[in-house]
Amino acid sequence: MRYGSGVSVLNDPAQAGNIGSRGRRLSRQRSRLLHPQRDRRRHCILFPVEDLEHHVRRLLDFVGLDFEPACLEFYKTERSIRTVSSEQVRQPIYREGIEQWRNFEPWLEPLEAALGELAAS
């Protein structure tokens, strides 16, 4: 996939990894300087494809928001989507794509090398 203007850097996995790695280091340093006492642990939330509604409801409840059916039908939005994942946002979540990244694993090695420790987390 070739990305358009504004995200063309992502056409080179090593360059994208270097930018991501530098950005993460800068963010950590800034956080340490501005908020020395803050807990810096990050949490990743993985939603199983099965029973997505249950997990979305739990997340919304946790942050104090009401559930709306549109939360599960995000792909029906008419709004402009200006992210690298714009094609994915236009599709419902489905199980078939979960392991597809493995087809591209050989080409991801430069990105993984550039990300260093970030690739493992």
PDB file of N, CA and C in Angstrom:
ATOM      1  N   MET A   1       0.846  -1.181   0.000  1.00  0.00           N
ATOM      2  CA  MET A   1       0.000   0.000   0.000  1.00  0.00           C
ATOM      3  C   MET A   1       0.888   1.239   0.000  1.00  0.00           C
ATOM      4  N   ARG A   2       0.574   2.166  -0.853  1.00  0.00           N
ATOM      5  CA  ARG A   2       1.307   3.422  -0.904  1.00  0.00           C
ATOM      6  C   ARG A   2       0.435   4.485  -0.277  1.00  0.00           C
ATOM      7  N   TYR A   3       1.001   5.200   0.684  1.00  0.00           N
ATOM      8  CA  TYR A   3       0.260   6.247   1.366  1.00  0.00           C
ATOM      9  C   TYR A   3       0.436   7.565   0.639  1.00  0.00           C
ATOM     10  N   GLY A   4      -0.576   8.398   0.705  1.00  0.00           N
ATOM     11  CA  GLY A   4      -0.569   9.673  -0.008  1.00  0.00           C
ATOM     12  C   GLY A   4       0.202  10.751   0.715  1.00  0.00           C
ATOM     13  N   SER A   5       0.010  11.969   0.267  1.00  0.00           N
ATOM     14  CA  SER A   5       0.722  13.107   0.847  1.00  0.00           C
ATOM     15  C   SER A   5       0.373  13.245   2.318  1.00  0.00           C
ATOM     16  N   GLY A   6       1.327  13.682   3.068  1.00  0.00           N
ATOM     17  CA  GLY A   6       1.125  13.856   4.501  1.00  0.00           C
ATOM     18  C   GLY A   6       1.577  12.652   5.306  1.00  0.00           C
ATOM     19  N   VAL A   7       1.519  11.480   4.711  1.00  0.00           N
ATOM     20  CA  VAL A   7       1.964  10.270   5.408  1.00  0.00           C
ATOM     21  C   VAL A   7       2.901   9.465   4.516  1.00  0.00           C
ATOM     22  N   SER A   8       3.505  10.102   3.524  1.00  0.00           N
ATOM     23  CA  SER A   8       4.379   9.389   2.596  1.00  0.00           C
ATOM     24  C   SER A   8       5.599   8.791   3.285  1.00  0.00           C
ATOM     25  N   VAL A   9       5.974   9.308   4.467  1.00  0.00           N
ATOM     26  CA  VAL A   9       7.090   8.747   5.206  1.00  0.00           C
ATOM     27  C   VAL A   9       6.843   7.268   5.520  1.00  0.00           C
ATOM     28  N   LEU A  10       5.591   6.876   5.593  1.00  0.00           N
ATOM     29  CA  LEU A  10       5.264   5.492   5.927  1.00  0.00           C
ATOM     30  C   LEU A  10       5.530   4.531   4.783  1.00  0.00           C
ATOM     31  N   ASN A  11       5.913   5.049   3.625  1.00  0.00           N
ATOM     32  CA  ASN A  11       6.285   4.172   2.522  1.00  0.00           C
ATOM     33  C   ASN A  11       7.636   3.513   2.769  1.00  0.00           C
ATOM     34  N   ASP A  12       8.412   4.022   3.703  1.00  0.00           N
ATOM     35  CA  ASP A  12       9.716   3.455   4.051  1.00  0.00           C
ATOM     36  C   ASP A  12       9.643   2.958   5.491  1.00  0.00           C
ATOM     37  N   PRO A  13       9.517   1.644   5.705  1.00  0.00           N
ATOM     38  CA  PRO A  13       9.347   1.123   7.065  1.00  0.00           C
ATOM     39  C   PRO A  13      10.455   1.524   8.029  1.00  0.00           C
ATOM     40  N   ALA A  14      11.706   1.540   7.586  1.00  0.00           N
ATOM     41  CA  ALA A  14      12.808   1.903   8.490  1.00  0.00           C
ATOM     42  C   ALA A  14      12.694   3.358   8.906  1.00  0.00           C
ATOM     43  N   GLN A  15      12.352   4.233   7.970  1.00  0.00           N
ATOM     44  CA  GLN A  15      12.204   5.650   8.304  1.00  0.00           C
ATOM     45  C   GLN A  15      11.017   5.857   9.250  1.00  0.00           C
ATOM     46  N   ALA A  16       9.922   5.177   9.000  1.00  0.00           N
ATOM     47  CA  ALA A  16       8.759   5.280   9.881  1.00  0.00           C
ATOM     48  C   ALA A  16       9.107   4.788  11.286  1.00  0.00           C
ATOM     49  N   GLY A  17       9.858   3.698  11.371  1.00  0.00           N
ATOM     50  CA  GLY A  17      10.275   3.171  12.675  1.00  0.00           C
ATOM     51  C   GLY A  17      11.183   4.128  13.407  1.00  0.00           C
ATOM     52  N   ASN A  18      12.130   4.733  12.691  1.00  0.00           N
ATOM     53  CA  ASN A  18      13.026   5.706  13.325  1.00  0.00           C
ATOM     54  C   ASN A  18      12.256   6.908  13.859  1.00  0.00           C
ATOM     55  N   ILE A  19      11.304   7.390  13.083  1.00  0.00           N
ATOM     56  CA  ILE A  19      10.497   8.528  13.525  1.00  0.00           C
ATOM     57  C   ILE A  19       9.665   8.134  14.737  1.00  0.00           C
ATOM     58  N   GLY A  20       9.057   6.943  14.692  1.00  0.00           N
ATOM     59  CA  GLY A  20       8.252   6.492  15.826  1.00  0.00           C
ATOM     60  C   GLY A  20       9.075   6.312  17.083  1.00  0.00           C
ATOM     61  N   SER A  21      10.254   5.744  16.941  1.00  0.00           N
ATOM     62  CA  SER A  21      11.131   5.518  18.082  1.00  0.00           C
ATOM     63  C   SER A  21      11.602   6.838  18.689  1.00  0.00           C
ATOM     64  N   ARG A  22      12.004   7.772  17.832  1.00  0.00           N
ATOM     65  CA  ARG A  22      12.443   9.085  18.332  1.00  0.00           C
ATOM     66  C   ARG A  22      11.290   9.822  19.000  1.00  0.00           C
ATOM     67  N   GLY A  23      10.108   9.728  18.416  1.00  0.00           N
ATOM     68  CA  GLY A  23       8.941  10.381  19.001  1.00  0.00           C
ATOM     69  C   GLY A  23       8.609   9.818  20.368  1.00  0.00           C
ATOM     70  N   ARG A  24       8.717   8.515  20.509  1.00  0.00           N
ATOM     71  CA  ARG A  24       8.427   7.877  21.803  1.00  0.00           C
ATOM     72  C   ARG A  24       9.446   8.305  22.852  1.00  0.00           C
ATOM     73  N   ARG A  25      10.734   8.352  22.480  1.00  0.00           N
ATOM     74  CA  ARG A  25      11.768   8.801  23.428  1.00  0.00           C
ATOM     75  C   ARG A  25      11.539  10.254  23.837  1.00  0.00           C
ATOM     76  N   LEU A  26      11.200  11.097  22.880  1.00  0.00           N
ATOM     77  CA  LEU A  26      10.933  12.501  23.175  1.00  0.00           C
ATOM     78  C   LEU A  26       9.739  12.635  24.111  1.00  0.00           C
ATOM     79  N   SER A  27       8.709  11.881  23.861  1.00  0.00           N
ATOM     80  CA  SER A  27       7.512  11.917  24.703  1.00  0.00           C
ATOM     81  C   SER A  27       7.835  11.485  26.134  1.00  0.00           C
ATOM     82  N   ARG A  28       8.620  10.432  26.285  1.00  0.00           N
ATOM     83  CA  ARG A  28       9.008   9.971  27.624  1.00  0.00           C
ATOM     84  C   ARG A  28       9.826  11.031  28.352  1.00  0.00           C
ATOM     85  N   GLN A  29      10.787  11.631  27.644  1.00  0.00           N
ATOM     86  CA  GLN A  29      11.630  12.657  28.264  1.00  0.00           C
ATOM     87  C   GLN A  29      10.788  13.863  28.696  1.00  0.00           C
ATOM     88  N   ARG A  30       9.919  14.307  27.824  1.00  0.00           N
ATOM     89  CA  ARG A  30       9.057  15.442  28.145  1.00  0.00           C
ATOM     90  C   ARG A  30       8.178  15.136  29.354  1.00  0.00           C
ATOM     91  N   SER A  31       7.638  13.931  29.401  1.00  0.00           N
ATOM     92  CA  SER A  31       6.799  13.528  30.521  1.00  0.00           C
ATOM     93  C   SER A  31       7.590  13.518  31.829  1.00  0.00           C
ATOM     94  N   ARG A  32       8.826  13.033  31.776  1.00  0.00           N
ATOM     95  CA  ARG A  32       9.661  13.007  32.989  1.00  0.00           C
ATOM     96  C   ARG A  32       9.972  14.418  33.476  1.00  0.00           C
ATOM     97  N   LEU A  33      10.194  15.330  32.553  1.00  0.00           N
ATOM     98  CA  LEU A  33      10.527  16.704  32.939  1.00  0.00           C
ATOM     99  C   LEU A  33       9.316  17.461  33.456  1.00  0.00           C
ATOM    100  N   LEU A  34       8.176  17.309  32.798  1.00  0.00           N
ATOM    101  CA  LEU A  34       6.989  18.077  33.162  1.00  0.00           C
ATOM    102  C   LEU A  34       6.211  17.471  34.319  1.00  0.00           C
ATOM    103  N   HIS A  35       6.256  16.163  34.434  1.00  0.00           N
ATOM    104  CA  HIS A  35       5.462  15.472  35.456  1.00  0.00           C
ATOM    105  C   HIS A  35       6.310  14.403  36.139  1.00  0.00           C
ATOM    106  N   PRO A  36       7.285  14.787  36.945  1.00  0.00           N
ATOM    107  CA  PRO A  36       8.224  13.806  37.509  1.00  0.00           C
ATOM    108  C   PRO A  36       7.570  12.762  38.423  1.00  0.00           C
ATOM    109  N   GLN A  37       6.434  13.083  39.016  1.00  0.00           N
ATOM    110  CA  GLN A  37       5.802  12.141  39.944  1.00  0.00           C
ATOM    111  C   GLN A  37       4.753  11.245  39.294  1.00  0.00           C
ATOM    112  N   ARG A  38       4.429  11.484  38.050  1.00  0.00           N
ATOM    113  CA  ARG A  38       3.344  10.768  37.387  1.00  0.00           C
ATOM    114  C   ARG A  38       3.729   9.315  37.083  1.00  0.00           C
ATOM    115  N   ASP A  39       2.752   8.450  37.244  1.00  0.00           N
ATOM    116  CA  ASP A  39       2.915   7.047  36.878  1.00  0.00           C
ATOM    117  C   ASP A  39       2.943   6.969  35.345  1.00  0.00           C
ATOM    118  N   ARG A  40       4.011   6.449  34.781  1.00  0.00           N
ATOM    119  CA  ARG A  40       4.184   6.455  33.345  1.00  0.00           C
ATOM    120  C   ARG A  40       3.804   5.147  32.658  1.00  0.00           C
ATOM    121  N   ARG A  41       3.222   4.250  33.373  1.00  0.00           N
ATOM    122  CA  ARG A  41       2.843   2.991  32.736  1.00  0.00           C
ATOM    123  C   ARG A  41       1.720   3.228  31.732  1.00  0.00           C
ATOM    124  N   ARG A  42       1.832   2.573  30.624  1.00  0.00           N
ATOM    125  CA  ARG A  42       0.811   2.657  29.580  1.00  0.00           C
ATOM    126  C   ARG A  42       0.067   1.327  29.545  1.00  0.00           C
ATOM    127  N   HIS A  43      -1.186   1.412  29.254  1.00  0.00           N
ATOM    128  CA  HIS A  43      -1.989   0.200  29.185  1.00  0.00           C
ATOM    129  C   HIS A  43      -2.526   0.030  27.772  1.00  0.00           C
ATOM    130  N   CYS A  44      -2.463  -1.163  27.303  1.00  0.00           N
ATOM    131  CA  CYS A  44      -3.001  -1.494  25.993  1.00  0.00           C
ATOM    132  C   CYS A  44      -4.265  -2.315  26.211  1.00  0.00           C
ATOM    133  N   ILE A  45      -5.330  -1.903  25.578  1.00  0.00           N
ATOM    134  CA  ILE A  45      -6.586  -2.621  25.707  1.00  0.00           C
ATOM    135  C   ILE A  45      -6.817  -3.381  24.417  1.00  0.00           C
ATOM    136  N   LEU A  46      -6.909  -4.687  24.527  1.00  0.00           N
ATOM    137  CA  LEU A  46      -7.187  -5.524  23.371  1.00  0.00           C
ATOM    138  C   LEU A  46      -8.611  -6.045  23.481  1.00  0.00           C
ATOM    139  N   PHE A  47      -9.402  -5.778  22.477  1.00  0.00           N
ATOM    140  CA  PHE A  47     -10.779  -6.254  22.468  1.00  0.00           C
ATOM    141  C   PHE A  47     -10.865  -7.516  21.634  1.00  0.00           C
ATOM    142  N   PRO A  48     -11.407  -8.583  22.199  1.00  0.00           N
ATOM    143  CA  PRO A  48     -11.636  -9.759  21.377  1.00  0.00           C
ATOM    144  C   PRO A  48     -12.687  -9.425  20.319  1.00  0.00           C
ATOM    145  N   VAL A  49     -12.570 -10.011  19.157  1.00  0.00           N
ATOM    146  CA  VAL A  49     -13.541  -9.764  18.104  1.00  0.00           C
ATOM    147  C   VAL A  49     -14.903 -10.302  18.528  1.00  0.00           C
ATOM    148  N   GLU A  50     -14.872 -11.427  19.220  1.00  0.00           N
ATOM    149  CA  GLU A  50     -16.116 -11.997  19.712  1.00  0.00           C
ATOM    150  C   GLU A  50     -16.654 -11.113  20.833  1.00  0.00           C
ATOM    151  N   ASP A  51     -17.935 -10.931  20.861  1.00  0.00           N
ATOM    152  CA  ASP A  51     -18.620 -10.167  21.912  1.00  0.00           C
ATOM    153  C   ASP A  51     -18.062  -8.755  22.047  1.00  0.00           C
ATOM    154  N   LEU A  52     -17.836  -8.117  20.919  1.00  0.00           N
ATOM    155  CA  LEU A  52     -17.287  -6.764  20.899  1.00  0.00           C
ATOM    156  C   LEU A  52     -18.171  -5.799  21.671  1.00  0.00           C
ATOM    157  N   GLU A  53     -19.486  -5.926  21.512  1.00  0.00           N
ATOM    158  CA  GLU A  53     -20.395  -4.995  22.187  1.00  0.00           C
ATOM    159  C   GLU A  53     -20.199  -5.022  23.702  1.00  0.00           C
ATOM    160  N   HIS A  54     -20.034  -6.188  24.262  1.00  0.00           N
ATOM    161  CA  HIS A  54     -19.824  -6.310  25.704  1.00  0.00           C
ATOM    162  C   HIS A  54     -18.594  -5.510  26.144  1.00  0.00           C
ATOM    163  N   HIS A  55     -17.508  -5.644  25.405  1.00  0.00           N
ATOM    164  CA  HIS A  55     -16.269  -4.973  25.778  1.00  0.00           C
ATOM    165  C   HIS A  55     -16.342  -3.460  25.541  1.00  0.00           C
ATOM    166  N   VAL A  56     -17.016  -3.062  24.489  1.00  0.00           N
ATOM    167  CA  VAL A  56     -17.197  -1.624  24.239  1.00  0.00           C
ATOM    168  C   VAL A  56     -18.050  -1.020  25.345  1.00  0.00           C
ATOM    169  N   ARG A  57     -19.089  -1.710  25.744  1.00  0.00           N
ATOM    170  CA  ARG A  57     -19.944  -1.214  26.839  1.00  0.00           C
ATOM    171  C   ARG A  57     -19.142  -1.075  28.140  1.00  0.00           C
ATOM    172  N   ARG A  58     -18.313  -2.052  28.433  1.00  0.00           N
ATOM    173  CA  ARG A  58     -17.490  -1.975  29.659  1.00  0.00           C
ATOM    174  C   ARG A  58     -16.542  -0.787  29.620  1.00  0.00           C
ATOM    175  N   LEU A  59     -15.903  -0.568  28.472  1.00  0.00           N
ATOM    176  CA  LEU A  59     -14.981   0.555  28.334  1.00  0.00           C
ATOM    177  C   LEU A  59     -15.719   1.880  28.492  1.00  0.00           C
ATOM    178  N   LEU A  60     -16.847   2.022  27.824  1.00  0.00           N
ATOM    179  CA  LEU A  60     -17.615   3.268  27.924  1.00  0.00           C
ATOM    180  C   LEU A  60     -18.111   3.497  29.347  1.00  0.00           C
ATOM    181  N   ASP A  61     -18.536   2.435  30.000  1.00  0.00           N
ATOM    182  CA  ASP A  61     -18.971   2.548  31.388  1.00  0.00           C
ATOM    183  C   ASP A  61     -17.821   3.012  32.280  1.00  0.00           C
ATOM    184  N   PHE A  62     -16.645   2.478  32.036  1.00  0.00           N
ATOM    185  CA  PHE A  62     -15.468   2.838  32.826  1.00  0.00           C
ATOM    186  C   PHE A  62     -15.141   4.322  32.717  1.00  0.00           C
ATOM    187  N   VAL A  63     -15.294   4.888  31.525  1.00  0.00           N
ATOM    188  CA  VAL A  63     -14.981   6.307  31.336  1.00  0.00           C
ATOM    189  C   VAL A  63     -16.198   7.199  31.513  1.00  0.00           C
ATOM    190  N   GLY A  64     -17.328   6.600  31.902  1.00  0.00           N
ATOM    191  CA  GLY A  64     -18.512   7.390  32.224  1.00  0.00           C
ATOM    192  C   GLY A  64     -19.309   7.866  31.023  1.00  0.00           C
ATOM    193  N   LEU A  65     -19.276   7.121  29.943  1.00  0.00           N
ATOM    194  CA  LEU A  65     -20.031   7.498  28.745  1.00  0.00           C
ATOM    195  C   LEU A  65     -21.132   6.483  28.479  1.00  0.00           C
ATOM    196  N   ASP A  66     -22.207   6.941  27.875  1.00  0.00           N
ATOM    197  CA  ASP A  66     -23.311   6.058  27.518  1.00  0.00           C
ATOM    198  C   ASP A  66     -22.994   5.308  26.228  1.00  0.00           C
ATOM    199  N   PHE A  67     -23.512   4.098  26.159  1.00  0.00           N
ATOM    200  CA  PHE A  67     -23.358   3.307  24.943  1.00  0.00           C
ATOM    201  C   PHE A  67     -24.309   3.830  23.880  1.00  0.00           C
ATOM    202  N   GLU A  68     -23.842   3.876  22.653  1.00  0.00           N
ATOM    203  CA  GLU A  68     -24.673   4.200  21.496  1.00  0.00           C
ATOM    204  C   GLU A  68     -24.372   3.152  20.430  1.00  0.00           C
ATOM    205  N   PRO A  69     -25.384   2.690  19.718  1.00  0.00           N
ATOM    206  CA  PRO A  69     -25.153   1.684  18.673  1.00  0.00           C
ATOM    207  C   PRO A  69     -24.108   2.113  17.647  1.00  0.00           C
ATOM    208  N   ALA A  70     -23.969   3.395  17.424  1.00  0.00           N
ATOM    209  CA  ALA A  70     -22.978   3.895  16.455  1.00  0.00           C
ATOM    210  C   ALA A  70     -21.556   3.525  16.868  1.00  0.00           C
ATOM    211  N   CYS A  71     -21.346   3.224  18.140  1.00  0.00           N
ATOM    212  CA  CYS A  71     -20.016   2.802  18.596  1.00  0.00           C
ATOM    213  C   CYS A  71     -19.600   1.500  17.911  1.00  0.00           C
ATOM    214  N   LEU A  72     -20.562   0.684  17.558  1.00  0.00           N
ATOM    215  CA  LEU A  72     -20.269  -0.583  16.893  1.00  0.00           C
ATOM    216  C   LEU A  72     -20.356  -0.460  15.376  1.00  0.00           C
ATOM    217  N   GLU A  73     -20.892   0.658  14.902  1.00  0.00           N
ATOM    218  CA  GLU A  73     -21.065   0.868  13.461  1.00  0.00           C
ATOM    219  C   GLU A  73     -20.243   2.070  13.006  1.00  0.00           C
ATOM    220  N   PHE A  74     -19.046   2.209  13.554  1.00  0.00           N
ATOM    221  CA  PHE A  74     -18.151   3.327  13.246  1.00  0.00           C
ATOM    222  C   PHE A  74     -17.863   3.426  11.756  1.00  0.00           C
ATOM    223  N   TYR A  75     -17.881   2.313  11.074  1.00  0.00           N
ATOM    224  CA  TYR A  75     -17.552   2.258   9.651  1.00  0.00           C
ATOM    225  C   TYR A  75     -18.626   2.897   8.770  1.00  0.00           C
ATOM    226  N   LYS A  76     -19.782   3.228   9.339  1.00  0.00           N
ATOM    227  CA  LYS A  76     -20.862   3.854   8.570  1.00  0.00           C
ATOM    228  C   LYS A  76     -20.784   5.380   8.592  1.00  0.00           C
ATOM    229  N   THR A  77     -19.799   5.928   9.264  1.00  0.00           N
ATOM    230  CA  THR A  77     -19.699   7.381   9.372  1.00  0.00           C
ATOM    231  C   THR A  77     -19.530   8.028   8.002  1.00  0.00           C
ATOM    232  N   GLU A  78     -20.086   9.206   7.854  1.00  0.00           N
ATOM    233  CA  GLU A  78     -19.948   9.967   6.604  1.00  0.00           C
ATOM    234  C   GLU A  78     -18.825  10.997   6.732  1.00  0.00           C
ATOM    235  N   ARG A  79     -18.274  11.117   7.929  1.00  0.00           N
ATOM    236  CA  ARG A  79     -17.217  12.105   8.156  1.00  0.00           C
ATOM    237  C   ARG A  79     -15.949  11.748   7.405  1.00  0.00           C
ATOM    238  N   SER A  80     -15.160  12.748   7.164  1.00  0.00           N
ATOM    239  CA  SER A  80     -13.861  12.551   6.540  1.00  0.00           C
ATOM    240  C   SER A  80     -12.934  11.863   7.532  1.00  0.00           C
ATOM    241  N   ILE A  81     -12.174  10.909   7.041  1.00  0.00           N
ATOM    242  CA  ILE A  81     -11.206  10.198   7.882  1.00  0.00           C
ATOM    243  C   ILE A  81      -9.836  10.481   7.302  1.00  0.00           C
ATOM    244  N   ARG A  82      -8.980  11.115   8.092  1.00  0.00           N
ATOM    245  CA  ARG A  82      -7.672  11.529   7.587  1.00  0.00           C
ATOM    246  C   ARG A  82      -6.566  10.871   8.402  1.00  0.00           C
ATOM    247  N   THR A  83      -6.588   9.551   8.422  1.00  0.00           N
ATOM    248  CA  THR A  83      -5.551   8.792   9.117  1.00  0.00           C
ATOM    249  C   THR A  83      -5.021   7.717   8.187  1.00  0.00           C
ATOM    250  N   VAL A  84      -3.911   7.138   8.561  1.00  0.00           N
ATOM    251  CA  VAL A  84      -3.330   6.058   7.771  1.00  0.00           C
ATOM    252  C   VAL A  84      -4.289   4.870   7.714  1.00  0.00           C
ATOM    253  N   SER A  85      -5.095   4.689   8.754  1.00  0.00           N
ATOM    254  CA  SER A  85      -5.995   3.539   8.808  1.00  0.00           C
ATOM    255  C   SER A  85      -7.372   3.847   8.229  1.00  0.00           C
ATOM    256  N   SER A  86      -7.489   4.853   7.380  1.00  0.00           N
ATOM    257  CA  SER A  86      -8.798   5.270   6.870  1.00  0.00           C
ATOM    258  C   SER A  86      -9.545   4.136   6.168  1.00  0.00           C
ATOM    259  N   GLU A  87      -8.829   3.278   5.458  1.00  0.00           N
ATOM    260  CA  GLU A  87      -9.497   2.159   4.786  1.00  0.00           C
ATOM    261  C   GLU A  87     -10.058   1.167   5.800  1.00  0.00           C
ATOM    262  N   GLN A  88      -9.345   0.969   6.898  1.00  0.00           N
ATOM    263  CA  GLN A  88      -9.815   0.041   7.928  1.00  0.00           C
ATOM    264  C   GLN A  88     -11.012   0.601   8.665  1.00  0.00           C
ATOM    265  N   VAL A  89     -11.038   1.906   8.853  1.00  0.00           N
ATOM    266  CA  VAL A  89     -12.136   2.530   9.585  1.00  0.00           C
ATOM    267  C   VAL A  89     -13.435   2.403   8.806  1.00  0.00           C
ATOM    268  N   ARG A  90     -13.352   2.239   7.523  1.00  0.00           N
ATOM    269  CA  ARG A  90     -14.537   2.118   6.668  1.00  0.00           C
ATOM    270  C   ARG A  90     -15.063   0.689   6.591  1.00  0.00           C
ATOM    271  N   GLN A  91     -14.507  -0.217   7.385  1.00  0.00           N
ATOM    272  CA  GLN A  91     -14.951  -1.602   7.369  1.00  0.00           C
ATOM    273  C   GLN A  91     -15.279  -2.052   8.790  1.00  0.00           C
ATOM    274  N   PRO A  92     -16.253  -2.957   8.927  1.00  0.00           N
ATOM    275  CA  PRO A  92     -16.506  -3.508  10.262  1.00  0.00           C
ATOM    276  C   PRO A  92     -15.327  -4.356  10.718  1.00  0.00           C
ATOM    277  N   ILE A  93     -15.258  -4.600  12.000  1.00  0.00           N
ATOM    278  CA  ILE A  93     -14.213  -5.465  12.545  1.00  0.00           C
ATOM    279  C   ILE A  93     -14.571  -6.908  12.202  1.00  0.00           C
ATOM    280  N   TYR A  94     -13.596  -7.643  11.701  1.00  0.00           N
ATOM    281  CA  TYR A  94     -13.830  -9.034  11.343  1.00  0.00           C
ATOM    282  C   TYR A  94     -12.611  -9.862  11.706  1.00  0.00           C
ATOM    283  N   ARG A  95     -12.824 -11.116  11.951  1.00  0.00           N
ATOM    284  CA  ARG A  95     -11.790 -12.017  12.437  1.00  0.00           C
ATOM    285  C   ARG A  95     -10.757 -12.390  11.366  1.00  0.00           C
ATOM    286  N   GLU A  96     -11.128 -12.437  10.119  1.00  0.00           N
ATOM    287  CA  GLU A  96     -10.254 -12.944   9.061  1.00  0.00           C
ATOM    288  C   GLU A  96      -8.931 -12.190   8.948  1.00  0.00           C
ATOM    289  N   GLY A  97      -8.895 -10.939   9.336  1.00  0.00           N
ATOM    290  CA  GLY A  97      -7.688 -10.145   9.154  1.00  0.00           C
ATOM    291  C   GLY A  97      -6.696 -10.194  10.297  1.00  0.00           C
ATOM    292  N   ILE A  98      -7.001 -10.891  11.363  1.00  0.00           N
ATOM    293  CA  ILE A  98      -6.185 -10.834  12.576  1.00  0.00           C
ATOM    294  C   ILE A  98      -4.743 -11.256  12.342  1.00  0.00           C
ATOM    295  N   GLU A  99      -4.510 -12.289  11.598  1.00  0.00           N
ATOM    296  CA  GLU A  99      -3.145 -12.778  11.389  1.00  0.00           C
ATOM    297  C   GLU A  99      -2.569 -12.418  10.019  1.00  0.00           C
ATOM    298  N   GLN A 100      -3.242 -11.572   9.262  1.00  0.00           N
ATOM    299  CA  GLN A 100      -2.767 -11.245   7.918  1.00  0.00           C
ATOM    300  C   GLN A 100      -1.416 -10.546   7.904  1.00  0.00           C
ATOM    301  N   TRP A 101      -1.067  -9.890   8.985  1.00  0.00           N
ATOM    302  CA  TRP A 101       0.218  -9.193   9.031  1.00  0.00           C
ATOM    303  C   TRP A 101       1.373 -10.154   8.786  1.00  0.00           C
ATOM    304  N   ARG A 102       1.189 -11.415   9.125  1.00  0.00           N
ATOM    305  CA  ARG A 102       2.273 -12.390   8.964  1.00  0.00           C
ATOM    306  C   ARG A 102       2.672 -12.547   7.488  1.00  0.00           C
ATOM    307  N   ASN A 103       1.754 -12.273   6.566  1.00  0.00           N
ATOM    308  CA  ASN A 103       2.094 -12.333   5.142  1.00  0.00           C
ATOM    309  C   ASN A 103       3.157 -11.298   4.773  1.00  0.00           C
ATOM    310  N   PHE A 104       3.285 -10.252   5.570  1.00  0.00           N
ATOM    311  CA  PHE A 104       4.202  -9.160   5.278  1.00  0.00           C
ATOM    312  C   PHE A 104       5.407  -9.135   6.219  1.00  0.00           C
ATOM    313  N   GLU A 105       5.526 -10.149   7.042  1.00  0.00           N
ATOM    314  CA  GLU A 105       6.584 -10.199   8.050  1.00  0.00           C
ATOM    315  C   GLU A 105       7.990  -9.959   7.487  1.00  0.00           C
ATOM    316  N   PRO A 106       8.361 -10.540   6.349  1.00  0.00           N
ATOM    317  CA  PRO A 106       9.718 -10.291   5.839  1.00  0.00           C
ATOM    318  C   PRO A 106       9.986  -8.812   5.542  1.00  0.00           C
ATOM    319  N   TRP A 107       8.957  -8.092   5.126  1.00  0.00           N
ATOM    320  CA  TRP A 107       9.130  -6.675   4.788  1.00  0.00           C
ATOM    321  C   TRP A 107       9.044  -5.776   6.011  1.00  0.00           C
ATOM    322  N   LEU A 108       8.645  -6.332   7.138  1.00  0.00           N
ATOM    323  CA  LEU A 108       8.531  -5.550   8.365  1.00  0.00           C
ATOM    324  C   LEU A 108       9.824  -5.522   9.168  1.00  0.00           C
ATOM    325  N   GLU A 109      10.808  -6.326   8.784  1.00  0.00           N
ATOM    326  CA  GLU A 109      12.064  -6.393   9.537  1.00  0.00           C
ATOM    327  C   GLU A 109      12.753  -5.038   9.673  1.00  0.00           C
ATOM    328  N   PRO A 110      12.828  -4.190   8.621  1.00  0.00           N
ATOM    329  CA  PRO A 110      13.451  -2.869   8.803  1.00  0.00           C
ATOM    330  C   PRO A 110      12.700  -2.006   9.832  1.00  0.00           C
ATOM    331  N   LEU A 111      11.383  -2.118   9.835  1.00  0.00           N
ATOM    332  CA  LEU A 111      10.592  -1.372  10.806  1.00  0.00           C
ATOM    333  C   LEU A 111      10.869  -1.878  12.210  1.00  0.00           C
ATOM    334  N   GLU A 112      10.882  -3.176  12.386  1.00  0.00           N
ATOM    335  CA  GLU A 112      11.137  -3.788  13.694  1.00  0.00           C
ATOM    336  C   GLU A 112      12.522  -3.393  14.206  1.00  0.00           C
ATOM    337  N   ALA A 113      13.515  -3.417  13.332  1.00  0.00           N
ATOM    338  CA  ALA A 113      14.879  -3.044  13.724  1.00  0.00           C
ATOM    339  C   ALA A 113      14.947  -1.578  14.128  1.00  0.00           C
ATOM    340  N   ALA A 114      14.253  -0.712  13.380  1.00  0.00           N
ATOM    341  CA  ALA A 114      14.273   0.723  13.682  1.00  0.00           C
ATOM    342  C   ALA A 114      13.545   1.029  14.987  1.00  0.00           C
ATOM    343  N   LEU A 115      12.491   0.271  15.284  1.00  0.00           N
ATOM    344  CA  LEU A 115      11.751   0.503  16.517  1.00  0.00           C
ATOM    345  C   LEU A 115      12.485  -0.008  17.751  1.00  0.00           C
ATOM    346  N   GLY A 116      13.362  -0.981  17.577  1.00  0.00           N
ATOM    347  CA  GLY A 116      14.121  -1.504  18.707  1.00  0.00           C
ATOM    348  C   GLY A 116      13.224  -2.039  19.793  1.00  0.00           C
ATOM    349  N   GLU A 117      13.418  -1.548  21.010  1.00  0.00           N
ATOM    350  CA  GLU A 117      12.641  -2.044  22.161  1.00  0.00           C
ATOM    351  C   GLU A 117      11.153  -1.788  22.031  1.00  0.00           C
ATOM    352  N   LEU A 118      10.760  -0.801  21.264  1.00  0.00           N
ATOM    353  CA  LEU A 118       9.329  -0.523  21.091  1.00  0.00           C
ATOM    354  C   LEU A 118       8.620  -1.650  20.358  1.00  0.00           C
ATOM    355  N   ALA A 119       9.331  -2.343  19.478  1.00  0.00           N
ATOM    356  CA  ALA A 119       8.732  -3.430  18.715  1.00  0.00           C
ATOM    357  C   ALA A 119       8.332  -4.587  19.625  1.00  0.00           C
ATOM    358  N   ALA A 120       9.030  -4.759  20.703  1.00  0.00           N
ATOM    359  CA  ALA A 120       8.734  -5.872  21.619  1.00  0.00           C
ATOM    360  C   ALA A 120       7.580  -5.549  22.549  1.00  0.00           C
ATOM    361  N   SER A 121       7.259  -4.272  22.717  1.00  0.00           N
ATOM    362  CA  SER A 121       6.195  -3.913  23.678  1.00  0.00           C
ATOM    363  C   SER A 121       4.845  -3.837  23.018  1.00  0.00           C
TER     364      SER A 121
END
